[in-house]
């Protein structure tokens, strides 16, 4: 019985390690984040609209965020066409960069960027987030200025 228990624990540990795609954040990762943040800061517009999806624990959001003069002006749920039912704070691209800057200090972060403007298109925090895994995607960003 004890050998069965030890085998089950070993298998569970191996499965957990195999499913974790987290790798340490390197100096190159930090440099890429800074480069893209600088690229975003050089843009000629400060009003834009983008689609934002977020998953954390058992919550999923899929919204369109309108930013006017670097401030969130409106948020529409893409499934209902209405403002989200539950009030919460929604990020601008600058705020996503701030979250990424903080998250890379702890590691376990995956980031992808848009080539044209440098904004984050994929932001994932795996094992260093006290609230569990966090996954955000940005797409369809369109300048309004």
Protein backbone atom coordinates (compact mmCIF):
# COMPACT_ATOMS: atom_id res chain seq x y z
CA UNK A 1 0.00 0.00 0.00
CA UNK A 2 2.80 2.40 0.91
CA UNK A 3 4.61 1.77 -2.38
CA UNK A 4 1.37 2.52 -4.25
CA UNK A 5 1.00 5.81 -2.36
CA UNK A 6 4.62 6.77 -3.06
CA UNK A 7 4.12 5.92 -6.75
CA UNK A 8 0.97 8.05 -6.94
CA UNK A 9 2.69 11.02 -5.29
CA UNK A 10 5.68 10.69 -7.62
CA UNK A 11 3.39 10.50 -10.67
CA UNK A 12 1.40 13.55 -9.56
CA UNK A 13 4.57 15.54 -8.95
CA UNK A 14 5.96 14.55 -12.34
CA UNK A 15 2.69 15.51 -14.05
CA UNK A 16 2.65 18.91 -12.33
CA UNK A 17 6.24 19.61 -13.36
CA UNK A 18 5.59 18.44 -16.93
CA UNK A 19 2.56 20.77 -17.28
CA UNK A 20 4.43 23.81 -15.98
CA UNK A 21 5.91 25.65 -18.99
CA UNK A 22 7.31 28.40 -16.81
CA UNK A 23 10.95 29.26 -17.27
CA UNK A 24 13.01 31.87 -15.51
CA UNK A 25 12.81 35.41 -16.90
CA UNK A 26 16.15 36.22 -18.50
CA UNK A 27 17.96 39.50 -18.99
CA UNK A 28 17.02 39.25 -22.68
CA UNK A 29 13.33 38.95 -21.70
CA UNK A 30 13.61 42.06 -19.53
CA UNK A 31 15.39 43.93 -22.34
CA UNK A 32 12.68 42.91 -24.82
CA UNK A 33 9.99 44.16 -22.45
CA UNK A 34 11.78 47.50 -22.06
CA UNK A 35 12.34 47.79 -25.83
CA UNK A 36 8.66 47.20 -26.58
CA UNK A 37 7.55 49.52 -23.80
CA UNK A 38 9.79 52.23 -25.31
CA UNK A 39 8.36 51.48 -28.77
CA UNK A 40 4.81 51.85 -27.40
CA UNK A 41 5.76 55.16 -25.74
CA UNK A 42 6.85 56.55 -29.14
CA UNK A 43 3.41 56.11 -30.73
CA UNK A 44 1.71 59.21 -32.14
CA UNK A 45 -1.75 58.49 -30.70
CA UNK A 46 -3.21 58.32 -27.19
CA UNK A 47 -6.75 57.29 -28.04
CA UNK A 48 -7.39 53.78 -29.28
CA UNK A 49 -9.70 50.79 -29.10
CA UNK A 50 -8.70 47.14 -28.58
CA UNK A 51 -10.13 43.73 -27.82
CA UNK A 52 -9.06 42.31 -24.48
CA UNK A 53 -9.54 38.81 -23.16
CA UNK A 54 -8.57 37.75 -19.66
CA UNK A 55 -8.69 34.48 -17.77
CA UNK A 56 -7.90 34.13 -14.09
CA UNK A 57 -8.98 31.22 -11.90
CA UNK A 58 -12.61 30.71 -12.98
CA UNK A 59 -13.33 34.12 -14.52
CA UNK A 60 -13.20 34.87 -18.22
CA UNK A 61 -13.67 38.24 -19.88
CA UNK A 62 -13.83 39.12 -23.56
CA UNK A 63 -14.33 42.87 -23.98
CA UNK A 64 -13.63 45.82 -26.27
CA UNK A 65 -11.92 48.67 -24.43
CA UNK A 66 -11.95 52.24 -25.71
CA UNK A 67 -9.18 54.49 -24.41
CA UNK A 68 -9.38 58.27 -24.86
CA UNK A 69 -6.36 60.40 -23.94
CA UNK A 70 -4.72 57.42 -22.18
CA UNK A 71 -7.79 56.81 -19.97
CA UNK A 72 -10.34 54.01 -20.27
CA UNK A 73 -13.53 55.63 -21.57
CA UNK A 74 -15.76 52.61 -22.17
CA UNK A 75 -15.84 48.83 -22.03
CA UNK A 76 -18.24 46.60 -23.97
CA UNK A 77 -18.68 42.86 -23.45
CA UNK A 78 -18.14 41.28 -26.88
CA UNK A 79 -20.73 38.56 -26.21
CA UNK A 80 -23.60 40.80 -25.12
CA UNK A 81 -22.76 44.14 -26.73
CA UNK A 82 -23.42 45.75 -23.33
CA UNK A 83 -21.12 47.00 -20.57
CA UNK A 84 -19.91 44.12 -18.36
CA UNK A 85 -22.33 43.14 -15.61
CA UNK A 86 -19.75 43.24 -12.82
CA UNK A 87 -17.91 46.53 -12.31
CA UNK A 88 -14.13 46.35 -12.21
CA UNK A 89 -11.06 48.25 -13.36
CA UNK A 90 -9.98 47.65 -16.96
CA UNK A 91 -6.42 48.22 -18.20
CA UNK A 92 -4.97 50.55 -20.75
CA UNK A 93 -1.94 49.26 -22.65
CA UNK A 94 0.28 51.37 -20.37
CA UNK A 95 -1.24 49.66 -17.32
CA UNK A 96 -0.61 46.23 -18.86
CA UNK A 97 3.04 47.22 -19.28
CA UNK A 98 3.12 48.30 -15.61
CA UNK A 99 1.75 44.90 -14.57
CA UNK A 100 4.29 43.14 -16.79
CA UNK A 101 7.15 45.22 -15.33
CA UNK A 102 6.13 44.12 -11.86
CA UNK A 103 5.52 40.47 -12.83
CA UNK A 104 8.94 39.94 -14.44
CA UNK A 105 10.58 40.66 -11.11
CA UNK A 106 9.17 37.36 -9.81
CA UNK A 107 9.64 35.33 -13.01
CA UNK A 108 7.22 32.80 -14.46
CA UNK A 109 5.96 35.26 -17.08
CA UNK A 110 5.36 34.79 -20.81
CA UNK A 111 5.06 37.85 -23.02
CA UNK A 112 4.45 38.46 -26.73
CA UNK A 113 4.32 41.77 -28.57
CA UNK A 114 2.82 43.52 -31.60
CA UNK A 115 5.46 44.32 -34.21
CA UNK A 116 3.98 47.63 -35.41
CA UNK A 117 3.34 49.44 -32.10
CA UNK A 118 5.13 47.24 -29.55
CA UNK A 119 2.13 46.65 -27.24
CA UNK A 120 1.66 43.37 -25.39
CA UNK A 121 -0.48 40.86 -27.31
CA UNK A 122 -0.02 38.00 -24.83
CA UNK A 123 0.68 38.23 -21.11
CA UNK A 124 0.70 35.18 -18.88
CA UNK A 125 1.69 34.82 -15.25
CA UNK A 126 1.95 31.23 -14.16
CA UNK A 127 3.21 30.16 -10.77
CA UNK A 128 4.13 33.46 -9.09
CA UNK A 129 0.64 34.93 -8.94
CA UNK A 130 -1.08 34.51 -5.56
CA UNK A 131 -4.48 34.54 -7.29
CA UNK A 132 -3.51 31.69 -9.64
CA UNK A 133 -2.64 31.68 -13.31
CA UNK A 134 -3.41 34.90 -15.19
CA UNK A 135 -3.71 35.06 -18.97
CA UNK A 136 -4.45 38.17 -21.03
CA UNK A 137 -4.59 38.73 -24.78
CA UNK A 138 -4.82 41.99 -26.70
CA UNK A 139 -5.91 42.11 -30.33
CA UNK A 140 -7.42 44.38 -32.98
CA UNK A 141 -5.88 47.57 -31.59
CA UNK A 142 -6.91 50.55 -33.72
CA UNK A 143 -5.73 54.13 -33.17
CA UNK A 144 -8.54 56.70 -32.89
CA UNK A 145 -6.45 59.91 -33.20
